[in-house]
Amino acid sequence: MSIELTFVTYKSVEYAYSRACKERDRNNMAFADIGMRAAKARDVKLLQVLDKAANIMQNEDDSQRGNTRHSSNVESERQYTTETTLWREAYKMVDQGKAGDVPHLMWIYAAAAFLAGYQL
């Protein structure tokens, strides 16, 4: 079952992640719980949003730092940004059914759930 995800764009991912960070700063655990529940349940829509968002983040990272990444001798310049890595890791953990093992990704799950349209 594939869902049309035209609403998942670089700008919408940025906005959702920003919103999740604001909710984290407010200590709004109800916002995070929505994402954690969907992640632990391996929700199909959440998984698809995480996958597309991670790919978007990786593509954006490549377009911004691709040449540097390939030609640099500095290890940190060859790595993806922290956010890109977190989104990719969040997708992997949900896909493997290990979302509960990595609660530090709960705000990524929350951002993806927000993008997927899940609300309080």
PDB file of N, CA and C in Angstrom:
ATOM      1  N   MET A   1       0.843  -1.174   0.000  1.00  0.00           N
ATOM      2  CA  MET A   1       0.000   0.000   0.000  1.00  0.00           C
ATOM      3  C   MET A   1       0.890   1.239   0.000  1.00  0.00           C
ATOM      4  N   SER A   2       0.801   2.014  -1.048  1.00  0.00           N
ATOM      5  CA  SER A   2       1.601   3.228  -1.150  1.00  0.00           C
ATOM      6  C   SER A   2       0.676   4.439  -1.063  1.00  0.00           C
ATOM      7  N   ILE A   3       1.132   5.432  -0.352  1.00  0.00           N
ATOM      8  CA  ILE A   3       0.354   6.644  -0.139  1.00  0.00           C
ATOM      9  C   ILE A   3       1.029   7.783  -0.890  1.00  0.00           C
ATOM     10  N   GLU A   4       0.259   8.599  -1.577  1.00  0.00           N
ATOM     11  CA  GLU A   4       0.790   9.784  -2.262  1.00  0.00           C
ATOM     12  C   GLU A   4       1.284  10.775  -1.214  1.00  0.00           C
ATOM     13  N   LEU A   5       2.544  11.141  -1.283  1.00  0.00           N
ATOM     14  CA  LEU A   5       3.146  12.000  -0.267  1.00  0.00           C
ATOM     15  C   LEU A   5       3.620  13.329  -0.855  1.00  0.00           C
ATOM     16  N   THR A   6       2.805  13.950  -1.673  1.00  0.00           N
ATOM     17  CA  THR A   6       3.195  15.213  -2.296  1.00  0.00           C
ATOM     18  C   THR A   6       3.366  16.329  -1.271  1.00  0.00           C
ATOM     19  N   PHE A   7       2.782  16.171  -0.106  1.00  0.00           N
ATOM     20  CA  PHE A   7       2.869  17.189   0.942  1.00  0.00           C
ATOM     21  C   PHE A   7       4.212  17.146   1.673  1.00  0.00           C
ATOM     22  N   VAL A   8       4.995  16.119   1.440  1.00  0.00           N
ATOM     23  CA  VAL A   8       6.305  16.016   2.087  1.00  0.00           C
ATOM     24  C   VAL A   8       7.336  16.652   1.155  1.00  0.00           C
ATOM     25  N   THR A   9       7.741  17.863   1.507  1.00  0.00           N
ATOM     26  CA  THR A   9       8.729  18.618   0.747  1.00  0.00           C
ATOM     27  C   THR A   9       9.824  19.066   1.709  1.00  0.00           C
ATOM     28  N   TYR A  10      10.883  19.624   1.177  1.00  0.00           N
ATOM     29  CA  TYR A  10      11.950  20.099   2.047  1.00  0.00           C
ATOM     30  C   TYR A  10      11.419  21.146   3.021  1.00  0.00           C
ATOM     31  N   LYS A  11      10.606  22.066   2.525  1.00  0.00           N
ATOM     32  CA  LYS A  11      10.054  23.114   3.402  1.00  0.00           C
ATOM     33  C   LYS A  11       9.126  22.531   4.463  1.00  0.00           C
ATOM     34  N   SER A  12       8.305  21.552   4.088  1.00  0.00           N
ATOM     35  CA  SER A  12       7.383  20.987   5.080  1.00  0.00           C
ATOM     36  C   SER A  12       8.144  20.167   6.126  1.00  0.00           C
ATOM     37  N   VAL A  13       9.216  19.507   5.714  1.00  0.00           N
ATOM     38  CA  VAL A  13      10.036  18.754   6.665  1.00  0.00           C
ATOM     39  C   VAL A  13      10.724  19.719   7.625  1.00  0.00           C
ATOM     40  N   GLU A  14      11.272  20.803   7.086  1.00  0.00           N
ATOM     41  CA  GLU A  14      11.896  21.824   7.934  1.00  0.00           C
ATOM     42  C   GLU A  14      10.902  22.382   8.942  1.00  0.00           C
ATOM     43  N   TYR A  15       9.689  22.691   8.460  1.00  0.00           N
ATOM     44  CA  TYR A  15       8.666  23.255   9.343  1.00  0.00           C
ATOM     45  C   TYR A  15       8.275  22.247  10.433  1.00  0.00           C
ATOM     46  N   ALA A  16       8.041  21.012  10.051  1.00  0.00           N
ATOM     47  CA  ALA A  16       7.630  19.987  11.017  1.00  0.00           C
ATOM     48  C   ALA A  16       8.719  19.761  12.064  1.00  0.00           C
ATOM     49  N   TYR A  17       9.966  19.735  11.642  1.00  0.00           N
ATOM     50  CA  TYR A  17      11.065  19.529  12.589  1.00  0.00           C
ATOM     51  C   TYR A  17      11.193  20.737  13.513  1.00  0.00           C
ATOM     52  N   SER A  18      11.023  21.920  12.956  1.00  0.00           N
ATOM     53  CA  SER A  18      11.052  23.145  13.775  1.00  0.00           C
ATOM     54  C   SER A  18       9.928  23.117  14.807  1.00  0.00           C
ATOM     55  N   ARG A  19       8.754  22.706  14.373  1.00  0.00           N
ATOM     56  CA  ARG A  19       7.603  22.613  15.283  1.00  0.00           C
ATOM     57  C   ARG A  19       7.873  21.596  16.386  1.00  0.00           C
ATOM     58  N   ALA A  20       8.445  20.460  16.027  1.00  0.00           N
ATOM     59  CA  ALA A  20       8.766  19.435  17.025  1.00  0.00           C
ATOM     60  C   ALA A  20       9.788  19.964  18.030  1.00  0.00           C
ATOM     61  N   CYS A  21      10.762  20.720  17.555  1.00  0.00           N
ATOM     62  CA  CYS A  21      11.767  21.300  18.462  1.00  0.00           C
ATOM     63  C   CYS A  21      11.129  22.309  19.414  1.00  0.00           C
ATOM     64  N   LYS A  22      10.176  23.088  18.935  1.00  0.00           N
ATOM     65  CA  LYS A  22       9.462  24.034  19.803  1.00  0.00           C
ATOM     66  C   LYS A  22       8.664  23.279  20.860  1.00  0.00           C
ATOM     67  N   GLU A  23       8.013  22.211  20.461  1.00  0.00           N
ATOM     68  CA  GLU A  23       7.244  21.412  21.411  1.00  0.00           C
ATOM     69  C   GLU A  23       8.167  20.735  22.425  1.00  0.00           C
ATOM     70  N   ARG A  24       9.341  20.330  21.977  1.00  0.00           N
ATOM     71  CA  ARG A  24      10.337  19.755  22.887  1.00  0.00           C
ATOM     72  C   ARG A  24      10.755  20.795  23.930  1.00  0.00           C
ATOM     73  N   ASP A  25      11.004  22.024  23.462  1.00  0.00           N
ATOM     74  CA  ASP A  25      11.408  23.094  24.380  1.00  0.00           C
ATOM     75  C   ASP A  25      10.305  23.420  25.386  1.00  0.00           C
ATOM     76  N   ARG A  26       9.056  23.209  24.984  1.00  0.00           N
ATOM     77  CA  ARG A  26       7.910  23.417  25.887  1.00  0.00           C
ATOM     78  C   ARG A  26       7.655  22.194  26.755  1.00  0.00           C
ATOM     79  N   ASN A  27       8.434  21.146  26.531  1.00  0.00           N
ATOM     80  CA  ASN A  27       8.269  19.876  27.241  1.00  0.00           C
ATOM     81  C   ASN A  27       6.875  19.287  27.014  1.00  0.00           C
ATOM     82  N   ASN A  28       6.381  19.424  25.796  1.00  0.00           N
ATOM     83  CA  ASN A  28       5.067  18.920  25.419  1.00  0.00           C
ATOM     84  C   ASN A  28       5.189  17.445  25.021  1.00  0.00           C
ATOM     85  N   MET A  29       5.160  16.593  26.012  1.00  0.00           N
ATOM     86  CA  MET A  29       5.342  15.170  25.768  1.00  0.00           C
ATOM     87  C   MET A  29       4.164  14.550  25.018  1.00  0.00           C
ATOM     88  N   ALA A  30       2.999  15.174  25.079  1.00  0.00           N
ATOM     89  CA  ALA A  30       1.849  14.661  24.327  1.00  0.00           C
ATOM     90  C   ALA A  30       2.136  14.717  22.827  1.00  0.00           C
ATOM     91  N   PHE A  31       2.833  15.758  22.387  1.00  0.00           N
ATOM     92  CA  PHE A  31       3.220  15.892  20.980  1.00  0.00           C
ATOM     93  C   PHE A  31       4.172  14.755  20.596  1.00  0.00           C
ATOM     94  N   ALA A  32       5.137  14.479  21.450  1.00  0.00           N
ATOM     95  CA  ALA A  32       6.106  13.412  21.187  1.00  0.00           C
ATOM     96  C   ALA A  32       5.448  12.036  21.249  1.00  0.00           C
ATOM     97  N   ASP A  33       4.502  11.871  22.154  1.00  0.00           N
ATOM     98  CA  ASP A  33       3.854  10.570  22.324  1.00  0.00           C
ATOM     99  C   ASP A  33       3.126  10.112  21.065  1.00  0.00           C
ATOM    100  N   ILE A  34       2.567  11.041  20.322  1.00  0.00           N
ATOM    101  CA  ILE A  34       1.872  10.677  19.077  1.00  0.00           C
ATOM    102  C   ILE A  34       2.855  10.002  18.122  1.00  0.00           C
ATOM    103  N   GLY A  35       4.013  10.610  17.969  1.00  0.00           N
ATOM    104  CA  GLY A  35       5.027  10.039  17.093  1.00  0.00           C
ATOM    105  C   GLY A  35       5.573   8.716  17.609  1.00  0.00           C
ATOM    106  N   MET A  36       5.800   8.639  18.921  1.00  0.00           N
ATOM    107  CA  MET A  36       6.328   7.394  19.501  1.00  0.00           C
ATOM    108  C   MET A  36       5.341   6.239  19.340  1.00  0.00           C
ATOM    109  N   ARG A  37       4.058   6.514  19.569  1.00  0.00           N
ATOM    110  CA  ARG A  37       3.057   5.453  19.409  1.00  0.00           C
ATOM    111  C   ARG A  37       3.026   4.951  17.963  1.00  0.00           C
ATOM    112  N   ALA A  38       3.040   5.882  17.021  1.00  0.00           N
ATOM    113  CA  ALA A  38       3.024   5.495  15.603  1.00  0.00           C
ATOM    114  C   ALA A  38       4.304   4.755  15.230  1.00  0.00           C
ATOM    115  N   ALA A  39       5.437   5.195  15.767  1.00  0.00           N
ATOM    116  CA  ALA A  39       6.715   4.553  15.461  1.00  0.00           C
ATOM    117  C   ALA A  39       6.762   3.133  16.029  1.00  0.00           C
ATOM    118  N   LYS A  40       6.339   2.978  17.274  1.00  0.00           N
ATOM    119  CA  LYS A  40       6.351   1.645  17.890  1.00  0.00           C
ATOM    120  C   LYS A  40       5.399   0.690  17.179  1.00  0.00           C
ATOM    121  N   ALA A  41       4.304   1.240  16.634  1.00  0.00           N
ATOM    122  CA  ALA A  41       3.330   0.416  15.920  1.00  0.00           C
ATOM    123  C   ALA A  41       3.749   0.154  14.469  1.00  0.00           C
ATOM    124  N   ARG A  42       4.876   0.747  14.075  1.00  0.00           N
ATOM    125  CA  ARG A  42       5.360   0.646  12.691  1.00  0.00           C
ATOM    126  C   ARG A  42       4.280   1.085  11.709  1.00  0.00           C
ATOM    127  N   ASP A  43       3.646   2.193  12.043  1.00  0.00           N
ATOM    128  CA  ASP A  43       2.574   2.760  11.222  1.00  0.00           C
ATOM    129  C   ASP A  43       3.074   2.978   9.787  1.00  0.00           C
ATOM    130  N   VAL A  44       2.324   2.483   8.820  1.00  0.00           N
ATOM    131  CA  VAL A  44       2.728   2.535   7.414  1.00  0.00           C
ATOM    132  C   VAL A  44       2.900   3.975   6.930  1.00  0.00           C
ATOM    133  N   LYS A  45       1.952   4.822   7.249  1.00  0.00           N
ATOM    134  CA  LYS A  45       2.037   6.208   6.783  1.00  0.00           C
ATOM    135  C   LYS A  45       3.236   6.920   7.405  1.00  0.00           C
ATOM    136  N   LEU A  46       3.465   6.702   8.698  1.00  0.00           N
ATOM    137  CA  LEU A  46       4.620   7.301   9.360  1.00  0.00           C
ATOM    138  C   LEU A  46       5.910   6.808   8.719  1.00  0.00           C
ATOM    139  N   LEU A  47       5.997   5.526   8.454  1.00  0.00           N
ATOM    140  CA  LEU A  47       7.188   4.943   7.847  1.00  0.00           C
ATOM    141  C   LEU A  47       7.453   5.548   6.472  1.00  0.00           C
ATOM    142  N   GLN A  48       6.403   5.724   5.688  1.00  0.00           N
ATOM    143  CA  GLN A  48       6.566   6.316   4.360  1.00  0.00           C
ATOM    144  C   GLN A  48       6.983   7.781   4.447  1.00  0.00           C
ATOM    145  N   VAL A  49       6.425   8.518   5.400  1.00  0.00           N
ATOM    146  CA  VAL A  49       6.811   9.914   5.589  1.00  0.00           C
ATOM    147  C   VAL A  49       8.268   9.989   6.025  1.00  0.00           C
ATOM    148  N   LEU A  50       8.677   9.148   6.962  1.00  0.00           N
ATOM    149  CA  LEU A  50      10.079   9.131   7.407  1.00  0.00           C
ATOM    150  C   LEU A  50      11.022   8.827   6.248  1.00  0.00           C
ATOM    151  N   ASP A  51      10.666   7.862   5.432  1.00  0.00           N
ATOM    152  CA  ASP A  51      11.505   7.491   4.299  1.00  0.00           C
ATOM    153  C   ASP A  51      11.642   8.650   3.317  1.00  0.00           C
ATOM    154  N   LYS A  52      10.520   9.235   2.941  1.00  0.00           N
ATOM    155  CA  LYS A  52      10.573  10.331   1.974  1.00  0.00           C
ATOM    156  C   LYS A  52      11.304  11.534   2.560  1.00  0.00           C
ATOM    157  N   ALA A  53      11.024  11.856   3.813  1.00  0.00           N
ATOM    158  CA  ALA A  53      11.687  12.997   4.450  1.00  0.00           C
ATOM    159  C   ALA A  53      13.192  12.761   4.547  1.00  0.00           C
ATOM    160  N   ALA A  54      13.605  11.563   4.906  1.00  0.00           N
ATOM    161  CA  ALA A  54      15.037  11.251   4.996  1.00  0.00           C
ATOM    162  C   ALA A  54      15.703  11.392   3.634  1.00  0.00           C
ATOM    163  N   ASN A  55      15.031  10.932   2.600  1.00  0.00           N
ATOM    164  CA  ASN A  55      15.575  11.071   1.239  1.00  0.00           C
ATOM    165  C   ASN A  55      15.664  12.533   0.829  1.00  0.00           C
ATOM    166  N   ILE A  56      14.658  13.311   1.166  1.00  0.00           N
ATOM    167  CA  ILE A  56      14.675  14.739   0.862  1.00  0.00           C
ATOM    168  C   ILE A  56      15.825  15.425   1.586  1.00  0.00           C
ATOM    169  N   MET A  57      15.994  15.100   2.865  1.00  0.00           N
ATOM    170  CA  MET A  57      17.081  15.687   3.643  1.00  0.00           C
ATOM    171  C   MET A  57      18.444  15.300   3.040  1.00  0.00           C
ATOM    172  N   GLN A  58      18.585  14.055   2.652  1.00  0.00           N
ATOM    173  CA  GLN A  58      19.843  13.593   2.072  1.00  0.00           C
ATOM    174  C   GLN A  58      20.111  14.283   0.736  1.00  0.00           C
ATOM    175  N   ASN A  59      19.087  14.418  -0.101  1.00  0.00           N
ATOM    176  CA  ASN A  59      19.254  15.094  -1.390  1.00  0.00           C
ATOM    177  C   ASN A  59      19.643  16.554  -1.202  1.00  0.00           C
ATOM    178  N   GLU A  60      19.008  17.216  -0.240  1.00  0.00           N
ATOM    179  CA  GLU A  60      19.332  18.614   0.032  1.00  0.00           C
ATOM    180  C   GLU A  60      20.763  18.740   0.543  1.00  0.00           C
ATOM    181  N   ASP A  61      21.141  17.851   1.423  1.00  0.00           N
ATOM    182  CA  ASP A  61      22.501  17.833   1.947  1.00  0.00           C
ATOM    183  C   ASP A  61      23.502  17.617   0.806  1.00  0.00           C
ATOM    184  N   ASP A  62      23.197  16.687  -0.082  1.00  0.00           N
ATOM    185  CA  ASP A  62      24.074  16.428  -1.232  1.00  0.00           C
ATOM    186  C   ASP A  62      24.188  17.653  -2.141  1.00  0.00           C
ATOM    187  N   SER A  63      23.065  18.321  -2.365  1.00  0.00           N
ATOM    188  CA  SER A  63      23.118  19.485  -3.252  1.00  0.00           C
ATOM    189  C   SER A  63      23.887  20.637  -2.615  1.00  0.00           C
ATOM    190  N   GLN A  64      23.863  20.744  -1.296  1.00  0.00           N
ATOM    191  CA  GLN A  64      24.567  21.829  -0.617  1.00  0.00           C
ATOM    192  C   GLN A  64      26.038  21.515  -0.368  1.00  0.00           C
ATOM    193  N   ARG A  65      26.347  20.249  -0.085  1.00  0.00           N
ATOM    194  CA  ARG A  65      27.717  19.922   0.322  1.00  0.00           C
ATOM    195  C   ARG A  65      28.319  18.757  -0.447  1.00  0.00           C
ATOM    196  N   GLY A  66      27.715  18.388  -1.548  1.00  0.00           N
ATOM    197  CA  GLY A  66      28.161  17.205  -2.289  1.00  0.00           C
ATOM    198  C   GLY A  66      29.605  17.256  -2.743  1.00  0.00           C
ATOM    199  N   ASN A  67      30.015  18.358  -3.367  1.00  0.00           N
ATOM    200  CA  ASN A  67      31.393  18.465  -3.847  1.00  0.00           C
ATOM    201  C   ASN A  67      32.382  18.454  -2.698  1.00  0.00           C
ATOM    202  N   THR A  68      32.058  19.166  -1.633  1.00  0.00           N
ATOM    203  CA  THR A  68      32.928  19.195  -0.455  1.00  0.00           C
ATOM    204  C   THR A  68      33.052  17.799   0.134  1.00  0.00           C
ATOM    205  N   ARG A  69      31.926  17.107   0.230  1.00  0.00           N
ATOM    206  CA  ARG A  69      31.914  15.776   0.828  1.00  0.00           C
ATOM    207  C   ARG A  69      32.847  14.831   0.067  1.00  0.00           C
ATOM    208  N   HIS A  70      32.851  14.934  -1.243  1.00  0.00           N
ATOM    209  CA  HIS A  70      33.622  14.000  -2.053  1.00  0.00           C
ATOM    210  C   HIS A  70      35.099  14.363  -2.153  1.00  0.00           C
ATOM    211  N   SER A  71      35.426  15.624  -1.957  1.00  0.00           N
ATOM    212  CA  SER A  71      36.813  16.047  -2.171  1.00  0.00           C
ATOM    213  C   SER A  71      37.572  16.397  -0.895  1.00  0.00           C
ATOM    214  N   SER A  72      36.902  16.469   0.226  1.00  0.00           N
ATOM    215  CA  SER A  72      37.540  16.915   1.461  1.00  0.00           C
ATOM    216  C   SER A  72      38.369  15.817   2.118  1.00  0.00           C
ATOM    217  N   ASN A  73      39.445  16.248   2.746  1.00  0.00           N
ATOM    218  CA  ASN A  73      40.262  15.336   3.551  1.00  0.00           C
ATOM    219  C   ASN A  73      39.854  15.386   5.018  1.00  0.00           C
ATOM    220  N   VAL A  74      38.949  16.293   5.349  1.00  0.00           N
ATOM    221  CA  VAL A  74      38.481  16.461   6.726  1.00  0.00           C
ATOM    222  C   VAL A  74      37.278  15.545   6.935  1.00  0.00           C
ATOM    223  N   GLU A  75      37.377  14.656   7.912  1.00  0.00           N
ATOM    224  CA  GLU A  75      36.328  13.650   8.150  1.00  0.00           C
ATOM    225  C   GLU A  75      34.955  14.278   8.365  1.00  0.00           C
ATOM    226  N   SER A  76      34.875  15.331   9.169  1.00  0.00           N
ATOM    227  CA  SER A  76      33.577  15.943   9.470  1.00  0.00           C
ATOM    228  C   SER A  76      32.921  16.552   8.228  1.00  0.00           C
ATOM    229  N   GLU A  77      33.700  16.953   7.263  1.00  0.00           N
ATOM    230  CA  GLU A  77      33.139  17.519   6.031  1.00  0.00           C
ATOM    231  C   GLU A  77      32.624  16.438   5.092  1.00  0.00           C
ATOM    232  N   ARG A  78      33.014  15.204   5.324  1.00  0.00           N
ATOM    233  CA  ARG A  78      32.554  14.097   4.477  1.00  0.00           C
ATOM    234  C   ARG A  78      31.273  13.458   5.001  1.00  0.00           C
ATOM    235  N   GLN A  79      30.854  13.849   6.197  1.00  0.00           N
ATOM    236  CA  GLN A  79      29.668  13.266   6.823  1.00  0.00           C
ATOM    237  C   GLN A  79      28.415  14.073   6.476  1.00  0.00           C
ATOM    238  N   TYR A  80      27.262  13.415   6.571  1.00  0.00           N
ATOM    239  CA  TYR A  80      25.993  14.119   6.434  1.00  0.00           C
ATOM    240  C   TYR A  80      25.739  14.937   7.691  1.00  0.00           C
ATOM    241  N   THR A  81      24.891  15.943   7.572  1.00  0.00           N
ATOM    242  CA  THR A  81      24.561  16.768   8.736  1.00  0.00           C
ATOM    243  C   THR A  81      23.861  15.912   9.788  1.00  0.00           C
ATOM    244  N   THR A  82      23.854  16.400  10.998  1.00  0.00           N
ATOM    245  CA  THR A  82      23.225  15.679  12.107  1.00  0.00           C
ATOM    246  C   THR A  82      21.757  15.421  11.815  1.00  0.00           C
ATOM    247  N   GLU A  83      21.041  16.435  11.325  1.00  0.00           N
ATOM    248  CA  GLU A  83      19.613  16.272  11.054  1.00  0.00           C
ATOM    249  C   GLU A  83      19.362  15.203  10.004  1.00  0.00           C
ATOM    250  N   THR A  84      20.156  15.208   8.948  1.00  0.00           N
ATOM    251  CA  THR A  84      20.009  14.199   7.897  1.00  0.00           C
ATOM    252  C   THR A  84      20.224  12.799   8.474  1.00  0.00           C
ATOM    253  N   THR A  85      21.250  12.659   9.275  1.00  0.00           N
ATOM    254  CA  THR A  85      21.555  11.370   9.895  1.00  0.00           C
ATOM    255  C   THR A  85      20.438  10.931  10.836  1.00  0.00           C
ATOM    256  N   LEU A  86      19.893  11.869  11.606  1.00  0.00           N
ATOM    257  CA  LEU A  86      18.805  11.526  12.534  1.00  0.00           C
ATOM    258  C   LEU A  86      17.560  11.052  11.793  1.00  0.00           C
ATOM    259  N   TRP A  87      17.185  11.724  10.711  1.00  0.00           N
ATOM    260  CA  TRP A  87      16.007  11.317   9.948  1.00  0.00           C
ATOM    261  C   TRP A  87      16.214   9.923   9.344  1.00  0.00           C
ATOM    262  N   ARG A  88      17.403   9.669   8.809  1.00  0.00           N
ATOM    263  CA  ARG A  88      17.688   8.360   8.232  1.00  0.00           C
ATOM    264  C   ARG A  88      17.655   7.277   9.318  1.00  0.00           C
ATOM    265  N   GLU A  89      18.240   7.568  10.467  1.00  0.00           N
ATOM    266  CA  GLU A  89      18.254   6.617  11.582  1.00  0.00           C
ATOM    267  C   GLU A  89      16.839   6.361  12.101  1.00  0.00           C
ATOM    268  N   ALA A  90      16.028   7.407  12.185  1.00  0.00           N
ATOM    269  CA  ALA A  90      14.643   7.254  12.646  1.00  0.00           C
ATOM    270  C   ALA A  90      13.877   6.317  11.714  1.00  0.00           C
ATOM    271  N   TYR A  91      14.048   6.513  10.413  1.00  0.00           N
ATOM    272  CA  TYR A  91      13.393   5.622   9.452  1.00  0.00           C
ATOM    273  C   TYR A  91      13.850   4.177   9.676  1.00  0.00           C
ATOM    274  N   LYS A  92      15.149   3.986   9.801  1.00  0.00           N
ATOM    275  CA  LYS A  92      15.708   2.641   9.956  1.00  0.00           C
ATOM    276  C   LYS A  92      15.172   1.966  11.217  1.00  0.00           C
ATOM    277  N   MET A  93      15.100   2.686  12.321  1.00  0.00           N
ATOM    278  CA  MET A  93      14.644   2.099  13.581  1.00  0.00           C
ATOM    279  C   MET A  93      13.167   1.694  13.510  1.00  0.00           C
ATOM    280  N   VAL A  94      12.338   2.530  12.884  1.00  0.00           N
ATOM    281  CA  VAL A  94      10.920   2.179  12.737  1.00  0.00           C
ATOM    282  C   VAL A  94      10.791   0.979  11.811  1.00  0.00           C
ATOM    283  N   ASP A  95      11.512   0.995  10.710  1.00  0.00           N
ATOM    284  CA  ASP A  95      11.447  -0.103   9.743  1.00  0.00           C
ATOM    285  C   ASP A  95      11.855  -1.427  10.381  1.00  0.00           C
ATOM    286  N   GLN A  96      12.836  -1.398  11.274  1.00  0.00           N
ATOM    287  CA  GLN A  96      13.307  -2.610  11.934  1.00  0.00           C
ATOM    288  C   GLN A  96      12.500  -2.968  13.179  1.00  0.00           C
ATOM    289  N   GLY A  97      11.513  -2.122  13.518  1.00  0.00           N
ATOM    290  CA  GLY A  97      10.700  -2.390  14.704  1.00  0.00           C
ATOM    291  C   GLY A  97      11.431  -2.092  16.001  1.00  0.00           C
ATOM    292  N   LYS A  98      12.412  -1.202  15.968  1.00  0.00           N
ATOM    293  CA  LYS A  98      13.215  -0.888  17.146  1.00  0.00           C
ATOM    294  C   LYS A  98      13.014   0.542  17.634  1.00  0.00           C
ATOM    295  N   ALA A  99      11.910   1.165  17.272  1.00  0.00           N
ATOM    296  CA  ALA A  99      11.681   2.569  17.648  1.00  0.00           C
ATOM    297  C   ALA A  99      11.706   2.765  19.160  1.00  0.00           C
ATOM    298  N   GLY A 100      11.202   1.802  19.904  1.00  0.00           N
ATOM    299  CA  GLY A 100      11.185   1.906  21.358  1.00  0.00           C
ATOM    300  C   GLY A 100      12.571   1.842  21.978  1.00  0.00           C
ATOM    301  N   ASP A 101      13.529   1.314  21.217  1.00  0.00           N
ATOM    302  CA  ASP A 101      14.904   1.189  21.721  1.00  0.00           C
ATOM    303  C   ASP A 101      15.686   2.495  21.645  1.00  0.00           C
ATOM    304  N   VAL A 102      15.168   3.465  20.899  1.00  0.00           N
ATOM    305  CA  VAL A 102      15.906   4.717  20.690  1.00  0.00           C
ATOM    306  C   VAL A 102      14.999   5.928  20.960  1.00  0.00           C
ATOM    307  N   PRO A 103      14.658   6.139  22.233  1.00  0.00           N
ATOM    308  CA  PRO A 103      13.733   7.235  22.556  1.00  0.00           C
ATOM    309  C   PRO A 103      14.281   8.618  22.233  1.00  0.00           C
ATOM    310  N   HIS A 104      15.599   8.748  22.039  1.00  0.00           N
ATOM    311  CA  HIS A 104      16.136  10.063  21.688  1.00  0.00           C
ATOM    312  C   HIS A 104      15.682  10.519  20.298  1.00  0.00           C
ATOM    313  N   LEU A 105      15.101   9.618  19.518  1.00  0.00           N
ATOM    314  CA  LEU A 105      14.571   9.986  18.199  1.00  0.00           C
ATOM    315  C   LEU A 105      13.095  10.382  18.254  1.00  0.00           C
ATOM    316  N   MET A 106      12.532  10.456  19.458  1.00  0.00           N
ATOM    317  CA  MET A 106      11.096  10.708  19.577  1.00  0.00           C
ATOM    318  C   MET A 106      10.660  12.006  18.916  1.00  0.00           C
ATOM    319  N   TRP A 107      11.524  13.012  18.870  1.00  0.00           N
ATOM    320  CA  TRP A 107      11.123  14.281  18.275  1.00  0.00           C
ATOM    321  C   TRP A 107      11.156  14.215  16.750  1.00  0.00           C
ATOM    322  N   ILE A 108      11.969  13.334  16.198  1.00  0.00           N
ATOM    323  CA  ILE A 108      11.916  13.077  14.755  1.00  0.00           C
ATOM    324  C   ILE A 108      10.614  12.343  14.441  1.00  0.00           C
ATOM    325  N   TYR A 109      10.295  11.339  15.269  1.00  0.00           N
ATOM    326  CA  TYR A 109       9.020  10.630  15.083  1.00  0.00           C
ATOM    327  C   TYR A 109       7.847  11.608  15.202  1.00  0.00           C
ATOM    328  N   ALA A 110       7.936  12.531  16.149  1.00  0.00           N
ATOM    329  CA  ALA A 110       6.872  13.522  16.340  1.00  0.00           C
ATOM    330  C   ALA A 110       6.741  14.412  15.111  1.00  0.00           C
ATOM    331  N   ALA A 111       7.866  14.852  14.556  1.00  0.00           N
ATOM    332  CA  ALA A 111       7.832  15.691  13.354  1.00  0.00           C
ATOM    333  C   ALA A 111       7.210  14.923  12.190  1.00  0.00           C
ATOM    334  N   ALA A 112       7.574  13.655  12.050  1.00  0.00           N
ATOM    335  CA  ALA A 112       7.012  12.842  10.963  1.00  0.00           C
ATOM    336  C   ALA A 112       5.514  12.620  11.170  1.00  0.00           C
ATOM    337  N   ALA A 113       5.108  12.383  12.403  1.00  0.00           N
ATOM    338  CA  ALA A 113       3.681  12.213  12.690  1.00  0.00           C
ATOM    339  C   ALA A 113       2.922  13.493  12.388  1.00  0.00           C
ATOM    340  N   PHE A 114       3.510  14.629  12.721  1.00  0.00           N
ATOM    341  CA  PHE A 114       2.903  15.930  12.414  1.00  0.00           C
ATOM    342  C   PHE A 114       2.744  16.066  10.903  1.00  0.00           C
ATOM    343  N   LEU A 115       3.790  15.716  10.163  1.00  0.00           N
ATOM    344  CA  LEU A 115       3.721  15.760   8.692  1.00  0.00           C
ATOM    345  C   LEU A 115       2.647  14.810   8.155  1.00  0.00           C
ATOM    346  N   ALA A 116       2.516  13.669   8.787  1.00  0.00           N
ATOM    347  CA  ALA A 116       1.534  12.677   8.351  1.00  0.00           C
ATOM    348  C   ALA A 116       0.100  13.085   8.689  1.00  0.00           C
ATOM    349  N   GLY A 117      -0.030  14.144   9.483  1.00  0.00           N
ATOM    350  CA  GLY A 117      -1.360  14.638   9.822  1.00  0.00           C
ATOM    351  C   GLY A 117      -1.910  14.140  11.123  1.00  0.00           C
ATOM    352  N   TYR A 118      -1.092  13.459  11.919  1.00  0.00           N
ATOM    353  CA  TYR A 118      -1.560  12.970  13.219  1.00  0.00           C
ATOM    354  C   TYR A 118      -1.565  14.134  14.195  1.00  0.00           C
ATOM    355  N   GLN A 119      -2.631  14.251  14.952  1.00  0.00           N
ATOM    356  CA  GLN A 119      -2.770  15.369  15.897  1.00  0.00           C
ATOM    357  C   GLN A 119      -3.249  14.852  17.247  1.00  0.00           C
ATOM    358  N   LEU A 120      -3.155  15.742  18.225  1.00  0.00           N
ATOM    359  CA  LEU A 120      -3.639  15.423  19.577  1.00  0.00           C
ATOM    360  C   LEU A 120      -5.117  15.162  19.559  1.00  0.00           C
TER     361      LEU A 120
END
